[in-house]
């Protein structure tokens, strides 16, 4: 589906959502990471699985952007960064993202 949308979309921006963060694809699907690194489109990737909200624990897809968005506590907390990410598509078609974090003790057991 991703490759089909990449080929057919005339949009400047693509928002890509996956259960898994980009570092999960490093060993098993490096061609997918290469496609996410395209300079032809502005890609913002959101992956989950781990319980954290960050950009430091993922595999870079520069020049594009990616987020781990599995925060919010519950079962476990893999970092103290818990919450969600806001994404805004601006008038000039750029995409701005930023985290909204909660106080970790409010959703993490330890």
N, C-alpha and C. Protein backbone atom coordinates (compact mmCIF):
# COMPACT_ATOMS: atom_id res chain seq x y z
N UNK A 1 0.83 -1.19 0.00
CA UNK A 1 0.00 0.00 0.00
C UNK A 1 0.88 1.26 0.00
N UNK A 2 1.92 1.26 0.82
CA UNK A 2 2.80 2.43 0.89
C UNK A 2 3.41 2.75 -0.48
N UNK A 3 3.96 1.74 -1.14
CA UNK A 3 4.61 1.96 -2.43
C UNK A 3 3.62 2.43 -3.49
N UNK A 4 2.41 1.92 -3.44
CA UNK A 4 1.36 2.33 -4.37
C UNK A 4 1.00 3.80 -4.15
N UNK A 5 0.82 4.18 -2.91
CA UNK A 5 0.48 5.58 -2.59
C UNK A 5 1.64 6.51 -2.96
N UNK A 6 2.86 6.09 -2.69
CA UNK A 6 4.02 6.92 -3.05
C UNK A 6 4.06 7.17 -4.56
N UNK A 7 3.77 6.13 -5.32
CA UNK A 7 3.84 6.23 -6.78
C UNK A 7 2.70 7.07 -7.36
N UNK A 8 1.53 6.97 -6.78
CA UNK A 8 0.34 7.60 -7.37
C UNK A 8 -0.01 8.97 -6.80
N UNK A 9 0.43 9.26 -5.59
CA UNK A 9 0.03 10.51 -4.95
C UNK A 9 0.73 11.71 -5.57
N UNK A 10 -0.04 12.75 -5.80
CA UNK A 10 0.53 14.02 -6.27
C UNK A 10 0.75 14.98 -5.11
N UNK A 11 0.42 14.54 -3.91
CA UNK A 11 0.57 15.39 -2.72
C UNK A 11 2.03 15.63 -2.41
N UNK A 12 2.34 16.79 -1.85
CA UNK A 12 3.70 17.11 -1.42
C UNK A 12 4.04 16.37 -0.13
N UNK A 13 3.02 16.21 0.72
CA UNK A 13 3.21 15.61 2.03
C UNK A 13 2.55 14.24 2.10
N UNK A 14 3.21 13.32 2.77
CA UNK A 14 2.61 12.03 3.09
C UNK A 14 2.76 11.80 4.58
N UNK A 15 1.66 11.48 5.23
CA UNK A 15 1.68 11.07 6.63
C UNK A 15 1.56 9.57 6.62
N UNK A 16 2.52 8.90 7.21
CA UNK A 16 2.59 7.44 7.20
C UNK A 16 2.44 6.94 8.63
N UNK A 17 1.52 6.01 8.84
CA UNK A 17 1.27 5.45 10.16
C UNK A 17 1.56 3.96 10.15
N UNK A 18 2.21 3.49 11.21
CA UNK A 18 2.54 2.08 11.32
C UNK A 18 2.49 1.67 12.79
N UNK A 19 2.20 0.42 13.02
CA UNK A 19 2.27 -0.06 14.39
C UNK A 19 3.71 -0.04 14.90
N UNK A 20 4.66 -0.26 13.99
CA UNK A 20 6.07 -0.36 14.39
C UNK A 20 6.85 0.90 14.06
N UNK A 21 7.81 1.28 14.91
CA UNK A 21 8.68 2.42 14.64
C UNK A 21 9.73 2.05 13.58
N UNK A 22 10.40 3.07 13.07
CA UNK A 22 11.31 2.85 11.95
C UNK A 22 12.47 1.91 12.28
N UNK A 23 12.94 1.87 13.52
CA UNK A 23 14.08 1.00 13.82
C UNK A 23 13.73 -0.48 13.69
N UNK A 24 12.45 -0.83 13.71
CA UNK A 24 12.05 -2.23 13.51
C UNK A 24 12.28 -2.68 12.06
N UNK A 25 12.37 -1.72 11.14
CA UNK A 25 12.55 -2.07 9.72
C UNK A 25 14.01 -2.13 9.30
N UNK A 26 14.92 -1.71 10.17
CA UNK A 26 16.34 -1.63 9.80
C UNK A 26 16.90 -2.99 9.40
N UNK A 27 16.58 -4.04 10.11
CA UNK A 27 17.13 -5.35 9.80
C UNK A 27 16.35 -6.13 8.76
N UNK A 28 15.03 -5.93 8.72
CA UNK A 28 14.20 -6.76 7.86
C UNK A 28 13.65 -6.10 6.61
N UNK A 29 13.65 -4.78 6.56
CA UNK A 29 13.08 -4.10 5.39
C UNK A 29 13.83 -2.80 5.11
N UNK A 30 15.14 -2.89 4.86
CA UNK A 30 15.91 -1.66 4.61
C UNK A 30 15.42 -0.90 3.38
N UNK A 31 14.84 -1.59 2.42
CA UNK A 31 14.31 -0.91 1.23
C UNK A 31 13.13 0.00 1.59
N UNK A 32 12.36 -0.38 2.62
CA UNK A 32 11.28 0.46 3.09
C UNK A 32 11.84 1.74 3.70
N UNK A 33 12.90 1.62 4.51
CA UNK A 33 13.54 2.80 5.09
C UNK A 33 14.10 3.70 3.99
N UNK A 34 14.69 3.11 2.97
CA UNK A 34 15.22 3.91 1.85
C UNK A 34 14.09 4.69 1.18
N UNK A 35 12.93 4.06 1.03
CA UNK A 35 11.79 4.75 0.41
C UNK A 35 11.29 5.89 1.31
N UNK A 36 11.33 5.69 2.63
CA UNK A 36 10.92 6.75 3.55
C UNK A 36 11.90 7.92 3.54
N UNK A 37 13.10 7.69 3.09
CA UNK A 37 14.13 8.74 3.05
C UNK A 37 14.11 9.55 1.75
N UNK A 38 13.11 9.36 0.94
CA UNK A 38 13.03 10.07 -0.34
C UNK A 38 13.10 11.58 -0.16
N UNK A 39 13.63 12.24 -1.15
CA UNK A 39 13.62 13.70 -1.16
C UNK A 39 12.52 14.23 -2.06
N UNK A 40 11.77 13.33 -2.68
CA UNK A 40 10.71 13.73 -3.60
C UNK A 40 9.42 14.12 -2.90
N UNK A 41 9.24 13.67 -1.66
CA UNK A 41 8.05 13.99 -0.89
C UNK A 41 8.47 14.32 0.54
N UNK A 42 7.64 15.08 1.20
CA UNK A 42 7.85 15.38 2.61
C UNK A 42 7.08 14.33 3.41
N UNK A 43 7.79 13.38 4.00
CA UNK A 43 7.15 12.29 4.73
C UNK A 43 7.28 12.52 6.23
N UNK A 44 6.17 12.36 6.93
CA UNK A 44 6.18 12.33 8.38
C UNK A 44 5.64 10.97 8.79
N UNK A 45 6.45 10.21 9.49
CA UNK A 45 6.15 8.83 9.86
C UNK A 45 5.83 8.76 11.34
N UNK A 46 4.75 8.05 11.68
CA UNK A 46 4.35 7.84 13.07
C UNK A 46 4.28 6.33 13.32
N UNK A 47 5.12 5.84 14.21
CA UNK A 47 5.11 4.42 14.57
C UNK A 47 4.92 4.27 16.06
N UNK A 48 4.44 3.12 16.47
CA UNK A 48 4.16 2.88 17.88
C UNK A 48 4.94 1.71 18.43
N UNK A 49 4.25 0.80 19.03
CA UNK A 49 4.72 -0.44 19.63
C UNK A 49 5.38 -0.22 21.00
N UNK A 50 6.47 0.55 21.04
CA UNK A 50 7.08 0.85 22.35
C UNK A 50 6.30 1.98 23.01
N UNK A 51 6.36 2.01 24.32
CA UNK A 51 5.61 3.01 25.08
C UNK A 51 6.48 4.21 25.41
N UNK A 52 6.55 5.12 24.44
CA UNK A 52 7.34 6.34 24.56
C UNK A 52 6.90 7.29 23.46
N UNK A 53 7.13 8.58 23.67
CA UNK A 53 6.92 9.59 22.63
C UNK A 53 8.27 10.26 22.42
N UNK A 54 8.91 9.97 21.29
CA UNK A 54 10.24 10.53 21.07
C UNK A 54 10.65 10.41 19.61
N UNK A 55 11.77 11.04 19.32
CA UNK A 55 12.41 10.93 18.01
C UNK A 55 13.83 10.41 18.15
N UNK A 56 14.27 10.11 19.35
CA UNK A 56 15.65 9.70 19.57
C UNK A 56 15.84 8.18 19.54
N UNK A 57 14.78 7.39 19.71
CA UNK A 57 14.96 5.94 19.78
C UNK A 57 14.67 5.25 18.44
N UNK A 58 14.41 6.02 17.42
CA UNK A 58 14.03 5.48 16.12
C UNK A 58 15.18 5.55 15.12
N UNK A 59 15.03 4.86 14.02
CA UNK A 59 16.00 4.93 12.92
C UNK A 59 15.68 6.17 12.09
N UNK A 60 16.67 6.99 11.84
CA UNK A 60 16.46 8.22 11.09
C UNK A 60 15.96 7.94 9.68
N UNK A 61 15.04 8.77 9.22
CA UNK A 61 14.63 8.74 7.82
C UNK A 61 14.89 10.10 7.17
N UNK A 62 15.89 10.81 7.70
CA UNK A 62 16.26 12.13 7.17
C UNK A 62 16.47 12.03 5.67
N UNK A 63 15.99 13.01 4.95
CA UNK A 63 15.58 14.35 5.37
C UNK A 63 14.15 14.43 5.89
N UNK A 64 13.48 13.32 6.00
CA UNK A 64 12.10 13.31 6.49
C UNK A 64 12.06 13.09 8.00
N UNK A 65 10.88 13.13 8.56
CA UNK A 65 10.72 13.14 10.00
C UNK A 65 9.96 11.90 10.47
N UNK A 66 10.32 11.40 11.65
CA UNK A 66 9.56 10.27 12.21
C UNK A 66 9.44 10.40 13.71
N UNK A 67 8.38 9.82 14.23
CA UNK A 67 8.07 9.84 15.66
C UNK A 67 7.74 8.45 16.15
N UNK A 68 8.15 8.16 17.35
CA UNK A 68 7.62 7.02 18.10
C UNK A 68 6.47 7.59 18.91
N UNK A 69 5.28 7.07 18.74
CA UNK A 69 4.08 7.64 19.38
C UNK A 69 3.32 6.59 20.17
N UNK A 70 4.04 5.78 20.94
CA UNK A 70 3.40 4.76 21.74
C UNK A 70 3.28 5.16 23.19
N UNK A 71 3.20 6.45 23.47
CA UNK A 71 3.16 6.94 24.84
C UNK A 71 1.76 6.96 25.42
N UNK A 72 1.70 7.15 26.69
CA UNK A 72 0.42 7.24 27.36
C UNK A 72 0.32 6.30 28.54
N UNK A 73 1.40 5.56 28.79
CA UNK A 73 1.42 4.70 29.96
C UNK A 73 0.60 3.44 29.75
N UNK A 74 -0.08 3.03 30.80
CA UNK A 74 -0.86 1.81 30.70
C UNK A 74 -0.02 0.61 31.07
N UNK A 75 0.18 -0.28 30.13
CA UNK A 75 0.90 -1.53 30.37
C UNK A 75 2.30 -1.29 30.92
N UNK A 76 3.05 -0.41 30.26
CA UNK A 76 4.40 -0.09 30.73
C UNK A 76 4.84 1.23 30.13
N UNK A 77 5.94 1.75 30.62
CA UNK A 77 6.53 2.98 30.10
C UNK A 77 7.98 2.69 29.76
N UNK A 78 8.34 2.86 28.51
CA UNK A 78 9.71 2.62 28.07
C UNK A 78 10.59 3.86 28.21
N UNK A 79 9.98 4.99 28.53
CA UNK A 79 10.72 6.21 28.84
C UNK A 79 9.80 7.09 29.67
N UNK A 80 10.33 8.19 30.14
CA UNK A 80 9.50 9.13 30.88
C UNK A 80 8.74 10.06 29.96
N UNK A 81 8.97 9.95 28.65
CA UNK A 81 8.27 10.78 27.66
C UNK A 81 6.97 10.10 27.26
N UNK A 82 5.89 10.51 27.90
CA UNK A 82 4.57 9.92 27.65
C UNK A 82 3.61 11.02 27.22
N UNK A 83 2.75 10.71 26.26
CA UNK A 83 1.78 11.69 25.79
C UNK A 83 1.39 11.41 24.36
N UNK A 84 1.38 12.45 23.52
CA UNK A 84 1.00 12.31 22.12
C UNK A 84 1.70 13.37 21.29
N UNK A 85 1.54 13.29 19.98
CA UNK A 85 2.18 14.23 19.06
C UNK A 85 1.09 14.98 18.30
N UNK A 86 1.27 16.27 18.17
CA UNK A 86 0.39 17.09 17.35
C UNK A 86 1.10 17.36 16.04
N UNK A 87 0.37 17.20 14.95
CA UNK A 87 0.90 17.52 13.63
C UNK A 87 0.04 18.58 12.98
N UNK A 88 0.68 19.57 12.38
CA UNK A 88 -0.03 20.64 11.70
C UNK A 88 0.48 20.76 10.28
N UNK A 89 -0.44 20.77 9.31
CA UNK A 89 -0.08 21.06 7.92
C UNK A 89 -0.32 22.55 7.73
N UNK A 90 0.75 23.26 7.43
CA UNK A 90 0.71 24.72 7.36
C UNK A 90 0.24 25.18 5.97
N UNK A 91 -0.03 26.49 5.86
CA UNK A 91 -0.50 27.06 4.60
C UNK A 91 0.49 26.85 3.46
N UNK A 92 1.78 26.81 3.80
CA UNK A 92 2.80 26.61 2.76
C UNK A 92 3.06 25.12 2.51
N UNK A 93 2.22 24.27 3.07
CA UNK A 93 2.28 22.81 2.93
C UNK A 93 3.39 22.15 3.74
N UNK A 94 4.11 22.92 4.53
CA UNK A 94 5.08 22.29 5.43
C UNK A 94 4.31 21.61 6.56
N UNK A 95 4.95 20.64 7.19
CA UNK A 95 4.34 19.93 8.31
C UNK A 95 5.15 20.21 9.56
N UNK A 96 4.48 20.65 10.61
CA UNK A 96 5.14 20.90 11.89
C UNK A 96 4.58 19.91 12.90
N UNK A 97 5.46 19.30 13.66
CA UNK A 97 5.04 18.35 14.69
C UNK A 97 5.69 18.71 16.02
N UNK A 98 4.98 18.40 17.09
CA UNK A 98 5.55 18.61 18.41
C UNK A 98 4.84 17.72 19.42
N UNK A 99 5.58 17.28 20.44
CA UNK A 99 4.97 16.41 21.45
C UNK A 99 4.21 17.21 22.50
N UNK A 100 3.20 16.59 23.04
CA UNK A 100 2.51 17.08 24.23
C UNK A 100 2.68 15.98 25.26
N UNK A 101 3.50 16.25 26.25
CA UNK A 101 3.86 15.23 27.24
C UNK A 101 3.12 15.46 28.55
N UNK A 102 2.85 14.37 29.21
CA UNK A 102 2.21 14.42 30.53
C UNK A 102 3.26 14.10 31.59
N UNK A 103 2.94 14.41 32.81
CA UNK A 103 3.81 14.08 33.93
C UNK A 103 3.90 12.55 34.03
N UNK A 104 5.10 12.00 33.85
CA UNK A 104 5.27 10.54 33.79
C UNK A 104 4.64 9.79 34.96
N UNK A 105 4.78 10.24 36.21
CA UNK A 105 4.16 9.49 37.31
C UNK A 105 2.64 9.38 37.22
N UNK A 106 2.01 10.27 36.43
CA UNK A 106 0.56 10.19 36.32
C UNK A 106 0.10 9.00 35.47
N UNK A 107 1.02 8.43 34.67
CA UNK A 107 0.62 7.29 33.84
C UNK A 107 1.59 6.11 33.91
N UNK A 108 2.71 6.28 34.58
CA UNK A 108 3.70 5.21 34.68
C UNK A 108 3.81 4.75 36.13
N UNK A 109 3.90 3.46 36.31
CA UNK A 109 3.97 2.91 37.66
C UNK A 109 5.25 3.27 38.39
N UNK A 110 6.36 3.35 37.64
CA UNK A 110 7.63 3.69 38.31
C UNK A 110 8.44 4.62 37.47
